PDB file of N, CA and C in Angstrom:
ATOM      1  N   MET A   1      -8.592  -4.731 -14.538  1.00  0.00           N
ATOM      2  CA  MET A   1      -7.526  -4.288 -13.614  1.00  0.00           C
ATOM      3  C   MET A   1      -7.835  -2.898 -13.015  1.00  0.00           C
ATOM      4  N   ALA A   2      -8.254  -2.863 -11.582  1.00  0.00           N
ATOM      5  CA  ALA A   2      -8.342  -1.342 -11.063  1.00  0.00           C
ATOM      6  C   ALA A   2      -7.328  -1.000 -10.501  1.00  0.00           C
ATOM      7  N   TYR A   3      -6.144  -0.948 -11.242  1.00  0.00           N
ATOM      8  CA  TYR A   3      -4.852  -0.215 -10.724  1.00  0.00           C
ATOM      9  C   TYR A   3      -4.012   0.170 -11.531  1.00  0.00           C
ATOM     10  N   GLU A   4      -3.091   0.815 -11.462  1.00  0.00           N
ATOM     11  CA  GLU A   4      -1.980   1.399 -12.265  1.00  0.00           C
ATOM     12  C   GLU A   4      -0.876   1.313 -11.277  1.00  0.00           C
ATOM     13  N   ILE A   5       0.318   1.044 -11.716  1.00  0.00           N
ATOM     14  CA  ILE A   5       1.480   1.385 -11.247  1.00  0.00           C
ATOM     15  C   ILE A   5       2.625   1.768 -12.178  1.00  0.00           C
ATOM     16  N   ILE A   6       3.180   2.767 -11.576  1.00  0.00           N
ATOM     17  CA  ILE A   6       4.313   3.534 -12.267  1.00  0.00           C
ATOM     18  C   ILE A   6       5.504   3.563 -11.570  1.00  0.00           C
ATOM     19  N   TYR A   7       6.650   3.810 -12.155  1.00  0.00           N
ATOM     20  CA  TYR A   7       7.962   4.139 -11.230  1.00  0.00           C
ATOM     21  C   TYR A   7       8.427   5.589 -11.669  1.00  0.00           C
ATOM     22  N   ASP A   8       8.425   6.285 -10.403  1.00  0.00           N
ATOM     23  CA  ASP A   8       8.769   7.567 -10.311  1.00  0.00           C
ATOM     24  C   ASP A   8      10.511   7.612 -10.270  1.00  0.00           C
ATOM     25  N   GLU A   9      11.068   7.774 -11.380  1.00  0.00           N
ATOM     26  CA  GLU A   9      12.620   7.418 -11.244  1.00  0.00           C
ATOM     27  C   GLU A   9      13.154   8.552 -10.628  1.00  0.00           C
ATOM     28  N   ALA A  10      12.640  10.101 -10.729  1.00  0.00           N
ATOM     29  CA  ALA A  10      13.465  11.071  -9.984  1.00  0.00           C
ATOM     30  C   ALA A  10      13.394  10.821  -8.331  1.00  0.00           C
ATOM     31  N   ARG A  11      12.364  10.207  -8.083  1.00  0.00           N
ATOM     32  CA  ARG A  11      12.138   9.955  -6.282  1.00  0.00           C
ATOM     33  C   ARG A  11      12.390   8.504  -6.077  1.00  0.00           C
ATOM     34  N   ASN A  12      12.740   7.699  -7.222  1.00  0.00           N
ATOM     35  CA  ASN A  12      12.986   6.136  -6.984  1.00  0.00           C
ATOM     36  C   ASN A  12      11.773   5.648  -5.886  1.00  0.00           C
ATOM     37  N   LEU A  13      10.864   5.902  -6.463  1.00  0.00           N
ATOM     38  CA  LEU A  13       9.512   5.388  -6.043  1.00  0.00           C
ATOM     39  C   LEU A  13       8.614   4.709  -6.881  1.00  0.00           C
ATOM     40  N   ALA A  14       8.023   3.639  -6.314  1.00  0.00           N
ATOM     41  CA  ALA A  14       6.770   3.044  -7.000  1.00  0.00           C
ATOM     42  C   ALA A  14       5.627   3.363  -6.562  1.00  0.00           C
ATOM     43  N   VAL A  15       4.720   3.617  -7.524  1.00  0.00           N
ATOM     44  CA  VAL A  15       3.320   4.202  -7.200  1.00  0.00           C
ATOM     45  C   VAL A  15       2.276   3.333  -7.520  1.00  0.00           C
ATOM     46  N   VAL A  16       1.436   3.036  -6.804  1.00  0.00           N
ATOM     47  CA  VAL A  16       0.165   2.042  -6.957  1.00  0.00           C
ATOM     48  C   VAL A  16      -0.944   2.929  -7.027  1.00  0.00           C
ATOM     49  N   ARG A  17      -1.734   3.097  -8.036  1.00  0.00           N
ATOM     50  CA  ARG A  17      -2.967   4.038  -7.814  1.00  0.00           C
ATOM     51  C   ARG A  17      -4.162   3.124  -8.071  1.00  0.00           C
ATOM     52  N   HIS A  18      -5.065   2.624  -7.184  1.00  0.00           N
ATOM     53  CA  HIS A  18      -6.194   2.107  -7.173  1.00  0.00           C
ATOM     54  C   HIS A  18      -7.321   2.844  -7.712  1.00  0.00           C
ATOM     55  N   LEU A  19      -8.190   2.332  -8.267  1.00  0.00           N
ATOM     56  CA  LEU A  19      -9.221   3.118  -8.795  1.00  0.00           C
ATOM     57  C   LEU A  19     -10.623   2.102  -8.781  1.00  0.00           C
ATOM     58  N   GLY A  20     -11.901   2.708  -8.302  1.00  0.00           N
ATOM     59  CA  GLY A  20     -13.040   2.089  -8.568  1.00  0.00           C
ATOM     60  C   GLY A  20     -13.060   1.310  -7.465  1.00  0.00           C
ATOM     61  N   ASN A  21     -13.985   0.208  -7.697  1.00  0.00           N
ATOM     62  CA  ASN A  21     -14.250  -0.892  -6.734  1.00  0.00           C
ATOM     63  C   ASN A  21     -12.914  -2.046  -6.515  1.00  0.00           C
ATOM     64  N   VAL A  22     -12.225  -1.941  -5.460  1.00  0.00           N
ATOM     65  CA  VAL A  22     -11.165  -2.882  -5.278  1.00  0.00           C
ATOM     66  C   VAL A  22     -11.604  -4.128  -4.499  1.00  0.00           C
ATOM     67  N   ASP A  23     -11.343  -5.128  -4.779  1.00  0.00           N
ATOM     68  CA  ASP A  23     -11.707  -6.514  -3.941  1.00  0.00           C
ATOM     69  C   ASP A  23     -10.272  -6.871  -3.668  1.00  0.00           C
ATOM     70  N   HIS A  24     -10.355  -8.127  -2.813  1.00  0.00           N
ATOM     71  CA  HIS A  24      -9.304  -8.972  -2.421  1.00  0.00           C
ATOM     72  C   HIS A  24      -8.243  -9.332  -3.620  1.00  0.00           C
ATOM     73  N   LYS A  25      -8.650  -9.897  -4.535  1.00  0.00           N
ATOM     74  CA  LYS A  25      -7.716 -10.218  -5.539  1.00  0.00           C
ATOM     75  C   LYS A  25      -7.060  -9.184  -5.996  1.00  0.00           C
ATOM     76  N   GLU A  26      -7.746  -7.852  -6.463  1.00  0.00           N
ATOM     77  CA  GLU A  26      -6.959  -6.815  -6.864  1.00  0.00           C
ATOM     78  C   GLU A  26      -5.963  -6.262  -6.108  1.00  0.00           C
ATOM     79  N   LEU A  27      -6.113  -6.217  -4.766  1.00  0.00           N
ATOM     80  CA  LEU A  27      -5.104  -5.890  -3.581  1.00  0.00           C
ATOM     81  C   LEU A  27      -4.017  -6.624  -3.871  1.00  0.00           C
ATOM     82  N   TRP A  28      -4.141  -8.062  -3.916  1.00  0.00           N
ATOM     83  CA  TRP A  28      -3.022  -8.945  -3.843  1.00  0.00           C
ATOM     84  C   TRP A  28      -2.402  -9.213  -5.304  1.00  0.00           C
ATOM     85  N   ASP A  29      -3.052  -8.764  -6.278  1.00  0.00           N
ATOM     86  CA  ASP A  29      -2.291  -8.648  -7.509  1.00  0.00           C
ATOM     87  C   ASP A  29      -1.501  -7.308  -7.778  1.00  0.00           C
ATOM     88  N   GLY A  30      -2.028  -6.394  -7.311  1.00  0.00           N
ATOM     89  CA  GLY A  30      -1.301  -4.854  -7.271  1.00  0.00           C
ATOM     90  C   GLY A  30      -0.110  -4.915  -6.185  1.00  0.00           C
ATOM     91  N   ARG A  31      -0.390  -5.742  -5.260  1.00  0.00           N
ATOM     92  CA  ARG A  31       0.953  -5.638  -4.347  1.00  0.00           C
ATOM     93  C   ARG A  31       2.057  -6.580  -5.010  1.00  0.00           C
ATOM     94  N   GLU A  32       1.578  -7.737  -5.695  1.00  0.00           N
ATOM     95  CA  GLU A  32       2.693  -8.551  -6.395  1.00  0.00           C
ATOM     96  C   GLU A  32       3.211  -7.764  -7.410  1.00  0.00           C
ATOM     97  N   GLU A  33       2.377  -7.162  -8.165  1.00  0.00           N
ATOM     98  CA  GLU A  33       3.025  -6.498  -9.518  1.00  0.00           C
ATOM     99  C   GLU A  33       3.947  -5.296  -8.878  1.00  0.00           C
ATOM    100  N   ALA A  34       3.313  -4.645  -7.605  1.00  0.00           N
ATOM    101  CA  ALA A  34       4.292  -3.286  -7.136  1.00  0.00           C
ATOM    102  C   ALA A  34       5.785  -4.126  -6.775  1.00  0.00           C
ATOM    103  N   MET A  35       5.717  -5.208  -6.121  1.00  0.00           N
ATOM    104  CA  MET A  35       6.800  -5.797  -5.513  1.00  0.00           C
ATOM    105  C   MET A  35       7.910  -6.329  -6.441  1.00  0.00           C
ATOM    106  N   LYS A  36       7.248  -6.745  -7.463  1.00  0.00           N
ATOM    107  CA  LYS A  36       8.223  -7.010  -8.741  1.00  0.00           C
ATOM    108  C   LYS A  36       8.932  -5.770  -9.231  1.00  0.00           C
ATOM    109  N   LEU A  37       8.202  -4.562  -9.381  1.00  0.00           N
ATOM    110  CA  LEU A  37       9.003  -3.550  -9.689  1.00  0.00           C
ATOM    111  C   LEU A  37       9.909  -2.895  -8.855  1.00  0.00           C
ATOM    112  N   VAL A  38       9.644  -3.171  -7.373  1.00  0.00           N
ATOM    113  CA  VAL A  38      10.636  -2.764  -6.236  1.00  0.00           C
ATOM    114  C   VAL A  38      11.654  -3.486  -6.459  1.00  0.00           C
ATOM    115  N   ARG A  39      11.646  -4.874  -6.727  1.00  0.00           N
ATOM    116  CA  ARG A  39      12.836  -5.658  -6.939  1.00  0.00           C
ATOM    117  C   ARG A  39      13.698  -5.338  -8.260  1.00  0.00           C
ATOM    118  N   ASP A  40      13.042  -5.300  -9.307  1.00  0.00           N
ATOM    119  CA  ASP A  40      13.475  -4.671 -10.581  1.00  0.00           C
ATOM    120  C   ASP A  40      14.207  -3.544 -10.633  1.00  0.00           C
ATOM    121  N   LYS A  41      13.622  -2.608  -9.911  1.00  0.00           N
ATOM    122  CA  LYS A  41      14.051  -1.221  -9.906  1.00  0.00           C
ATOM    123  C   LYS A  41      15.030  -0.846  -8.484  1.00  0.00           C
ATOM    124  N   ALA A  42      15.170  -2.032  -7.777  1.00  0.00           N
ATOM    125  CA  ALA A  42      16.078  -1.682  -6.409  1.00  0.00           C
ATOM    126  C   ALA A  42      15.540  -0.680  -5.615  1.00  0.00           C
ATOM    127  N   THR A  43      14.141  -0.229  -5.554  1.00  0.00           N
ATOM    128  CA  THR A  43      13.497   1.190  -4.669  1.00  0.00           C
ATOM    129  C   THR A  43      13.185   0.718  -3.719  1.00  0.00           C
ATOM    130  N   PRO A  44      13.486   1.310  -2.579  1.00  0.00           N
ATOM    131  CA  PRO A  44      13.211   1.095  -1.099  1.00  0.00           C
ATOM    132  C   PRO A  44      11.504   1.605  -0.973  1.00  0.00           C
ATOM    133  N   ARG A  45      11.013   2.243  -1.750  1.00  0.00           N
ATOM    134  CA  ARG A  45       9.687   3.189  -1.476  1.00  0.00           C
ATOM    135  C   ARG A  45       8.621   2.612  -2.364  1.00  0.00           C
ATOM    136  N   VAL A  46       7.361   2.696  -1.776  1.00  0.00           N
ATOM    137  CA  VAL A  46       6.090   2.451  -2.566  1.00  0.00           C
ATOM    138  C   VAL A  46       5.110   3.274  -1.903  1.00  0.00           C
ATOM    139  N   MET A  47       4.410   3.936  -2.906  1.00  0.00           N
ATOM    140  CA  MET A  47       3.194   4.722  -2.312  1.00  0.00           C
ATOM    141  C   MET A  47       2.210   4.042  -3.029  1.00  0.00           C
ATOM    142  N   VAL A  48       1.168   3.896  -2.222  1.00  0.00           N
ATOM    143  CA  VAL A  48      -0.178   3.178  -2.562  1.00  0.00           C
ATOM    144  C   VAL A  48      -1.423   4.174  -2.379  1.00  0.00           C
ATOM    145  N   ASP A  49      -1.747   4.552  -3.640  1.00  0.00           N
ATOM    146  CA  ASP A  49      -2.730   5.688  -3.435  1.00  0.00           C
ATOM    147  C   ASP A  49      -4.252   4.925  -3.693  1.00  0.00           C
ATOM    148  N   MET A  50      -4.948   4.775  -2.375  1.00  0.00           N
ATOM    149  CA  MET A  50      -6.342   4.489  -2.374  1.00  0.00           C
ATOM    150  C   MET A  50      -7.287   5.443  -2.098  1.00  0.00           C
ATOM    151  N   ARG A  51      -7.178   6.832  -2.751  1.00  0.00           N
ATOM    152  CA  ARG A  51      -8.351   7.593  -2.336  1.00  0.00           C
ATOM    153  C   ARG A  51      -9.406   7.600  -3.436  1.00  0.00           C
ATOM    154  N   GLU A  52      -9.293   6.779  -4.302  1.00  0.00           N
ATOM    155  CA  GLU A  52     -10.190   6.812  -5.326  1.00  0.00           C
ATOM    156  C   GLU A  52     -10.898   5.421  -5.265  1.00  0.00           C
ATOM    157  N   ILE A  53     -11.093   4.730  -4.573  1.00  0.00           N
ATOM    158  CA  ILE A  53     -11.630   3.430  -4.400  1.00  0.00           C
ATOM    159  C   ILE A  53     -12.850   3.450  -3.354  1.00  0.00           C
ATOM    160  N   GLU A  54     -13.453   2.292  -3.954  1.00  0.00           N
ATOM    161  CA  GLU A  54     -14.560   1.465  -2.914  1.00  0.00           C
ATOM    162  C   GLU A  54     -14.058   0.025  -2.463  1.00  0.00           C
ATOM    163  N   LEU A  55     -13.545  -0.122  -1.360  1.00  0.00           N
ATOM    164  CA  LEU A  55     -12.972  -1.216  -0.933  1.00  0.00           C
ATOM    165  C   LEU A  55     -13.803  -2.314  -0.303  1.00  0.00           C
ATOM    166  N   SER A  56     -14.156  -3.584  -1.290  1.00  0.00           N
ATOM    167  CA  SER A  56     -14.962  -4.680  -0.988  1.00  0.00           C
ATOM    168  C   SER A  56     -14.226  -5.877  -0.320  1.00  0.00           C
ATOM    169  N   THR A  57     -13.882  -5.780   0.848  1.00  0.00           N
ATOM    170  CA  THR A  57     -13.204  -6.995   1.125  1.00  0.00           C
ATOM    171  C   THR A  57     -13.586  -7.238   2.462  1.00  0.00           C
ATOM    172  N   SER A  58     -13.508  -8.380   3.170  1.00  0.00           N
ATOM    173  CA  SER A  58     -13.711  -8.757   4.419  1.00  0.00           C
ATOM    174  C   SER A  58     -12.898  -8.432   5.452  1.00  0.00           C
ATOM    175  N   ILE A  59     -13.222  -8.359   6.621  1.00  0.00           N
ATOM    176  CA  ILE A  59     -12.314  -7.892   7.749  1.00  0.00           C
ATOM    177  C   ILE A  59     -11.245  -9.542   7.868  1.00  0.00           C
ATOM    178  N   MET A  60     -11.456 -10.594   7.526  1.00  0.00           N
ATOM    179  CA  MET A  60     -10.534 -11.610   7.590  1.00  0.00           C
ATOM    180  C   MET A  60      -9.546 -11.393   6.203  1.00  0.00           C
ATOM    181  N   GLU A  61      -9.935 -10.919   4.996  1.00  0.00           N
ATOM    182  CA  GLU A  61      -9.036 -10.727   4.063  1.00  0.00           C
ATOM    183  C   GLU A  61      -8.387  -9.598   4.264  1.00  0.00           C
ATOM    184  N   GLU A  62      -8.621  -8.467   4.991  1.00  0.00           N
ATOM    185  CA  GLU A  62      -7.945  -7.415   5.143  1.00  0.00           C
ATOM    186  C   GLU A  62      -6.788  -7.842   6.371  1.00  0.00           C
ATOM    187  N   PHE A  63      -7.029  -8.745   7.228  1.00  0.00           N
ATOM    188  CA  PHE A  63      -6.146  -9.101   8.498  1.00  0.00           C
ATOM    189  C   PHE A  63      -5.105  -9.918   7.768  1.00  0.00           C
ATOM    190  N   ASN A  64      -5.593 -10.970   6.668  1.00  0.00           N
ATOM    191  CA  ASN A  64      -4.495 -11.802   6.039  1.00  0.00           C
ATOM    192  C   ASN A  64      -3.724 -10.955   5.200  1.00  0.00           C
ATOM    193  N   PHE A  65      -4.215 -10.132   4.452  1.00  0.00           N
ATOM    194  CA  PHE A  65      -3.350  -8.989   3.553  1.00  0.00           C
ATOM    195  C   PHE A  65      -2.375  -8.385   4.525  1.00  0.00           C
ATOM    196  N   GLY A  66      -2.807  -7.826   5.711  1.00  0.00           N
ATOM    197  CA  GLY A  66      -1.735  -7.382   6.262  1.00  0.00           C
ATOM    198  C   GLY A  66      -0.993  -8.283   6.904  1.00  0.00           C
ATOM    199  N   ARG A  67      -1.352  -9.594   7.167  1.00  0.00           N
ATOM    200  CA  ARG A  67      -0.270 -10.475   7.779  1.00  0.00           C
ATOM    201  C   ARG A  67       0.676 -10.894   6.761  1.00  0.00           C
ATOM    202  N   ALA A  68       0.293 -10.937   5.480  1.00  0.00           N
ATOM    203  CA  ALA A  68       1.356 -11.171   4.509  1.00  0.00           C
ATOM    204  C   ALA A  68       2.464 -10.313   4.016  1.00  0.00           C
ATOM    205  N   GLN A  69       1.936  -8.870   4.473  1.00  0.00           N
ATOM    206  CA  GLN A  69       2.869  -7.876   3.957  1.00  0.00           C
ATOM    207  C   GLN A  69       4.174  -8.065   4.158  1.00  0.00           C
ATOM    208  N   SER A  70       4.633  -8.490   5.198  1.00  0.00           N
ATOM    209  CA  SER A  70       6.084  -8.746   5.682  1.00  0.00           C
ATOM    210  C   SER A  70       6.895  -9.659   4.521  1.00  0.00           C
ATOM    211  N   ASN A  71       6.116 -10.665   3.901  1.00  0.00           N
ATOM    212  CA  ASN A  71       6.484 -11.422   3.046  1.00  0.00           C
ATOM    213  C   ASN A  71       6.952 -10.747   1.574  1.00  0.00           C
ATOM    214  N   TYR A  72       6.095  -9.768   1.600  1.00  0.00           N
ATOM    215  CA  TYR A  72       6.259  -8.929   0.305  1.00  0.00           C
ATOM    216  C   TYR A  72       7.137  -7.875   0.339  1.00  0.00           C
ATOM    217  N   SER A  73       7.149  -7.302   1.351  1.00  0.00           N
ATOM    218  CA  SER A  73       8.012  -6.143   1.605  1.00  0.00           C
ATOM    219  C   SER A  73       8.815  -6.190   2.782  1.00  0.00           C
ATOM    220  N   PRO A  74      10.019  -6.470   2.688  1.00  0.00           N
ATOM    221  CA  PRO A  74      11.048  -6.936   3.875  1.00  0.00           C
ATOM    222  C   PRO A  74      11.400  -5.458   4.508  1.00  0.00           C
ATOM    223  N   GLY A  75      11.636  -5.354   5.654  1.00  0.00           N
ATOM    224  CA  GLY A  75      11.662  -4.369   6.410  1.00  0.00           C
ATOM    225  C   GLY A  75      12.439  -2.943   5.744  1.00  0.00           C
ATOM    226  N   SER A  76      13.308  -3.561   4.907  1.00  0.00           N
ATOM    227  CA  SER A  76      13.906  -2.241   4.014  1.00  0.00           C
ATOM    228  C   SER A  76      13.147  -1.617   3.178  1.00  0.00           C
ATOM    229  N   VAL A  77      11.931  -1.973   2.847  1.00  0.00           N
ATOM    230  CA  VAL A  77      11.097  -1.188   1.958  1.00  0.00           C
ATOM    231  C   VAL A  77       9.992  -0.609   2.630  1.00  0.00           C
ATOM    232  N   LYS A  78       9.784   0.666   2.485  1.00  0.00           N
ATOM    233  CA  LYS A  78       8.705   1.378   3.185  1.00  0.00           C
ATOM    234  C   LYS A  78       7.612   1.451   2.383  1.00  0.00           C
ATOM    235  N   VAL A  79       6.239   1.278   2.646  1.00  0.00           N
ATOM    236  CA  VAL A  79       5.047   1.477   2.134  1.00  0.00           C
ATOM    237  C   VAL A  79       4.156   2.259   2.564  1.00  0.00           C
ATOM    238  N   ALA A  80       4.083   3.300   1.827  1.00  0.00           N
ATOM    239  CA  ALA A  80       2.864   4.431   2.551  1.00  0.00           C
ATOM    240  C   ALA A  80       1.488   4.119   1.726  1.00  0.00           C
ATOM    241  N   VAL A  81       0.479   3.864   2.699  1.00  0.00           N
ATOM    242  CA  VAL A  81      -0.813   3.834   1.619  1.00  0.00           C
ATOM    243  C   VAL A  81      -1.724   5.307   2.009  1.00  0.00           C
ATOM    244  N   LEU A  82      -2.051   5.706   1.168  1.00  0.00           N
ATOM    245  CA  LEU A  82      -2.725   7.058   0.960  1.00  0.00           C
ATOM    246  C   LEU A  82      -4.052   6.748   0.866  1.00  0.00           C
ATOM    247  N   ILE A  83      -5.106   7.366   2.234  1.00  0.00           N
ATOM    248  CA  ILE A  83      -6.332   7.156   1.982  1.00  0.00           C
ATOM    249  C   ILE A  83      -7.213   8.750   1.940  1.00  0.00           C
ATOM    250  N   ARG A  84      -8.390   8.626   1.676  1.00  0.00           N
ATOM    251  CA  ARG A  84      -9.197   9.805   2.042  1.00  0.00           C
ATOM    252  C   ARG A  84      -9.566   9.931   3.446  1.00  0.00           C
ATOM    253  N   LYS A  85      -9.541  11.432   3.725  1.00  0.00           N
ATOM    254  CA  LYS A  85      -9.718  11.625   5.227  1.00  0.00           C
ATOM    255  C   LYS A  85     -11.010  11.225   5.775  1.00  0.00           C
ATOM    256  N   ASP A  86     -12.146  11.017   4.861  1.00  0.00           N
ATOM    257  CA  ASP A  86     -13.484  10.629   5.061  1.00  0.00           C
ATOM    258  C   ASP A  86     -13.585   9.115   4.613  1.00  0.00           C
ATOM    259  N   ASP A  87     -12.845   8.386   4.234  1.00  0.00           N
ATOM    260  CA  ASP A  87     -12.701   7.177   3.992  1.00  0.00           C
ATOM    261  C   ASP A  87     -13.586   6.128   5.094  1.00  0.00           C
ATOM    262  N   PRO A  88     -14.639   5.586   4.587  1.00  0.00           N
ATOM    263  CA  PRO A  88     -15.583   4.790   5.307  1.00  0.00           C
ATOM    264  C   PRO A  88     -15.054   3.424   5.924  1.00  0.00           C
ATOM    265  N   LYS A  89     -13.584   2.983   5.240  1.00  0.00           N
ATOM    266  CA  LYS A  89     -12.859   1.869   5.685  1.00  0.00           C
ATOM    267  C   LYS A  89     -11.536   2.210   6.584  1.00  0.00           C
ATOM    268  N   LYS A  90     -11.372   3.533   6.902  1.00  0.00           N
ATOM    269  CA  LYS A  90     -10.315   4.006   7.790  1.00  0.00           C
ATOM    270  C   LYS A  90      -9.804   2.860   8.832  1.00  0.00           C
ATOM    271  N   LYS A  91     -10.673   2.322   9.644  1.00  0.00           N
ATOM    272  CA  LYS A  91     -10.529   1.329  10.574  1.00  0.00           C
ATOM    273  C   LYS A  91      -9.800   0.177   9.840  1.00  0.00           C
ATOM    274  N   GLU A  92     -10.300  -0.191   8.936  1.00  0.00           N
ATOM    275  CA  GLU A  92      -9.758  -1.495   8.186  1.00  0.00           C
ATOM    276  C   GLU A  92      -8.487  -1.165   7.632  1.00  0.00           C
ATOM    277  N   HIS A  93      -8.012   0.078   7.115  1.00  0.00           N
ATOM    278  CA  HIS A  93      -6.776   0.118   6.427  1.00  0.00           C
ATOM    279  C   HIS A  93      -5.961   0.410   7.858  1.00  0.00           C
ATOM    280  N   HIS A  94      -6.171   0.614   8.901  1.00  0.00           N
ATOM    281  CA  HIS A  94      -5.368   0.641  10.049  1.00  0.00           C
ATOM    282  C   HIS A  94      -5.191  -0.696  10.496  1.00  0.00           C
ATOM    283  N   LEU A  95      -6.158  -1.206  10.474  1.00  0.00           N
ATOM    284  CA  LEU A  95      -6.054  -3.037  10.774  1.00  0.00           C
ATOM    285  C   LEU A  95      -4.880  -3.619   9.929  1.00  0.00           C
ATOM    286  N   ILE A  96      -4.832  -3.235   8.638  1.00  0.00           N
ATOM    287  CA  ILE A  96      -3.847  -3.842   7.794  1.00  0.00           C
ATOM    288  C   ILE A  96      -2.495  -3.367   8.243  1.00  0.00           C
ATOM    289  N   GLU A  97      -2.289  -1.855   8.515  1.00  0.00           N
ATOM    290  CA  GLU A  97      -1.295  -1.429   8.996  1.00  0.00           C
ATOM    291  C   GLU A  97      -0.651  -1.940  10.034  1.00  0.00           C
ATOM    292  N   THR A  98      -1.414  -2.169  11.239  1.00  0.00           N
ATOM    293  CA  THR A  98      -1.092  -2.548  12.747  1.00  0.00           C
ATOM    294  C   THR A  98      -0.500  -4.240  12.443  1.00  0.00           C
ATOM    295  N   VAL A  99      -1.394  -4.942  11.666  1.00  0.00           N
ATOM    296  CA  VAL A  99      -0.937  -6.336  11.528  1.00  0.00           C
ATOM    297  C   VAL A  99       0.268  -6.326  10.837  1.00  0.00           C
ATOM    298  N   GLY A 100       0.449  -5.576   9.641  1.00  0.00           N
ATOM    299  CA  GLY A 100       1.824  -5.759   8.979  1.00  0.00           C
ATOM    300  C   GLY A 100       2.936  -5.370   9.948  1.00  0.00           C
ATOM    301  N   GLN A 101       2.728  -4.142  10.574  1.00  0.00           N
ATOM    302  CA  GLN A 101       3.886  -3.649  11.479  1.00  0.00           C
ATOM    303  C   GLN A 101       4.117  -4.830  12.587  1.00  0.00           C
ATOM    304  N   ASN A 102       3.111  -5.152  12.896  1.00  0.00           N
ATOM    305  CA  ASN A 102       3.689  -6.532  13.938  1.00  0.00           C
ATOM    306  C   ASN A 102       4.211  -7.639  13.313  1.00  0.00           C
ATOM    307  N   ARG A 103       4.454  -7.640  12.327  1.00  0.00           N
ATOM    308  CA  ARG A 103       5.157  -8.700  11.590  1.00  0.00           C
ATOM    309  C   ARG A 103       6.375  -8.166  10.914  1.00  0.00           C
ATOM    310  N   GLY A 104       6.865  -6.952  11.026  1.00  0.00           N
ATOM    311  CA  GLY A 104       7.918  -6.406  10.547  1.00  0.00           C
ATOM    312  C   GLY A 104       8.027  -5.430   9.316  1.00  0.00           C
ATOM    313  N   ALA A 105       6.633  -5.187   8.900  1.00  0.00           N
ATOM    314  CA  ALA A 105       6.493  -4.459   7.579  1.00  0.00           C
ATOM    315  C   ALA A 105       6.712  -3.069   7.942  1.00  0.00           C
ATOM    316  N   MET A 106       7.417  -2.256   7.133  1.00  0.00           N
ATOM    317  CA  MET A 106       7.440  -0.802   7.337  1.00  0.00           C
ATOM    318  C   MET A 106       6.169  -0.289   6.621  1.00  0.00           C
ATOM    319  N   LEU A 107       5.310  -0.087   7.176  1.00  0.00           N
ATOM    320  CA  LEU A 107       3.809   0.070   6.512  1.00  0.00           C
ATOM    321  C   LEU A 107       2.991   1.474   7.219  1.00  0.00           C
ATOM    322  N   MET A 108       2.803   2.313   6.601  1.00  0.00           N
ATOM    323  CA  MET A 108       1.978   3.400   7.128  1.00  0.00           C
ATOM    324  C   MET A 108       0.742   3.905   6.327  1.00  0.00           C
ATOM    325  N   VAL A 109      -0.309   4.090   7.295  1.00  0.00           N
ATOM    326  CA  VAL A 109      -1.555   4.794   6.566  1.00  0.00           C
ATOM    327  C   VAL A 109      -1.561   6.113   6.730  1.00  0.00           C
ATOM    328  N   PHE A 110      -1.638   6.885   5.623  1.00  0.00           N
ATOM    329  CA  PHE A 110      -1.796   8.245   5.680  1.00  0.00           C
ATOM    330  C   PHE A 110      -3.024   8.968   5.075  1.00  0.00           C
ATOM    331  N   ASP A 111      -3.687  10.203   5.572  1.00  0.00           N
ATOM    332  CA  ASP A 111      -4.759  10.574   4.864  1.00  0.00           C
ATOM    333  C   ASP A 111      -4.213  11.974   4.247  1.00  0.00           C
ATOM    334  N   ASP A 112      -2.991  12.292   4.460  1.00  0.00           N
ATOM    335  CA  ASP A 112      -2.323  13.550   4.032  1.00  0.00           C
ATOM    336  C   ASP A 112      -0.957  12.918   3.137  1.00  0.00           C
ATOM    337  N   GLN A 113      -0.991  13.787   1.684  1.00  0.00           N
ATOM    338  CA  GLN A 113      -0.236  13.282   0.455  1.00  0.00           C
ATOM    339  C   GLN A 113       1.082  13.816   1.095  1.00  0.00           C
ATOM    340  N   ALA A 114       1.129  14.938   1.773  1.00  0.00           N
ATOM    341  CA  ALA A 114       2.553  15.469   1.985  1.00  0.00           C
ATOM    342  C   ALA A 114       3.259  14.865   2.964  1.00  0.00           C
ATOM    343  N   GLU A 115       2.395  14.606   4.026  1.00  0.00           N
ATOM    344  CA  GLU A 115       2.990  13.588   5.254  1.00  0.00           C
ATOM    345  C   GLU A 115       3.255  12.205   4.760  1.00  0.00           C
ATOM    346  N   ALA A 116       2.550  11.507   4.021  1.00  0.00           N
ATOM    347  CA  ALA A 116       3.028  10.348   3.345  1.00  0.00           C
ATOM    348  C   ALA A 116       4.280  10.105   2.545  1.00  0.00           C
ATOM    349  N   GLU A 117       4.483  11.250   1.947  1.00  0.00           N
ATOM    350  CA  GLU A 117       5.746  11.774   0.931  1.00  0.00           C
ATOM    351  C   GLU A 117       6.943  11.868   2.011  1.00  0.00           C
ATOM    352  N   LYS A 118       6.675  12.637   2.928  1.00  0.00           N
ATOM    353  CA  LYS A 118       7.615  13.235   3.745  1.00  0.00           C
ATOM    354  C   LYS A 118       8.357  11.651   4.572  1.00  0.00           C
ATOM    355  N   TRP A 119       7.355  10.918   5.095  1.00  0.00           N
ATOM    356  CA  TRP A 119       7.775   9.627   5.723  1.00  0.00           C
ATOM    357  C   TRP A 119       8.386   8.771   4.643  1.00  0.00           C
ATOM    358  N   LEU A 120       8.171   8.674   3.599  1.00  0.00           N
ATOM    359  CA  LEU A 120       8.711   7.794   2.417  1.00  0.00           C
ATOM    360  C   LEU A 120       9.889   8.583   2.092  1.00  0.00           C
ATOM    361  N   LEU A 121      10.183   9.537   1.967  1.00  0.00           N
ATOM    362  CA  LEU A 121      11.602   9.998   1.526  1.00  0.00           C
ATOM    363  C   LEU A 121      12.429  10.338   2.471  1.00  0.00           C
ATOM    364  N   GLY A 122      12.097  10.527   3.774  1.00  0.00           N
ATOM    365  CA  GLY A 122      12.796  10.853   4.750  1.00  0.00           C
ATOM    366  C   GLY A 122      13.632   9.794   5.376  1.00  0.00           C
TER     367      GLY A 122
END
């Protein structure tokens, strides 16, 4: 498993931290587990930290991941994805963001943790 999920009770926030080489299956598994925590804790916020990964997914896998996001996180759940400023797959992250938003997901990609937290908690 190339991810860990914790619940930040003080901020009512689920945090998913991906590590190492992340493929299509790990993205889907992490999202599924995080959304279970969202339901169990009734938290409206998820921070997905992808700053320490090597993403090995195809463009179609990324498109499909973004397309399915609204099925996993209804419009009442905010999802902030945190990436490195120099992430070589920055465009792919923004593709997932755009496709998800076009289907009603509250999903934003950030390369600044303070900005991501401000949006999530605001």
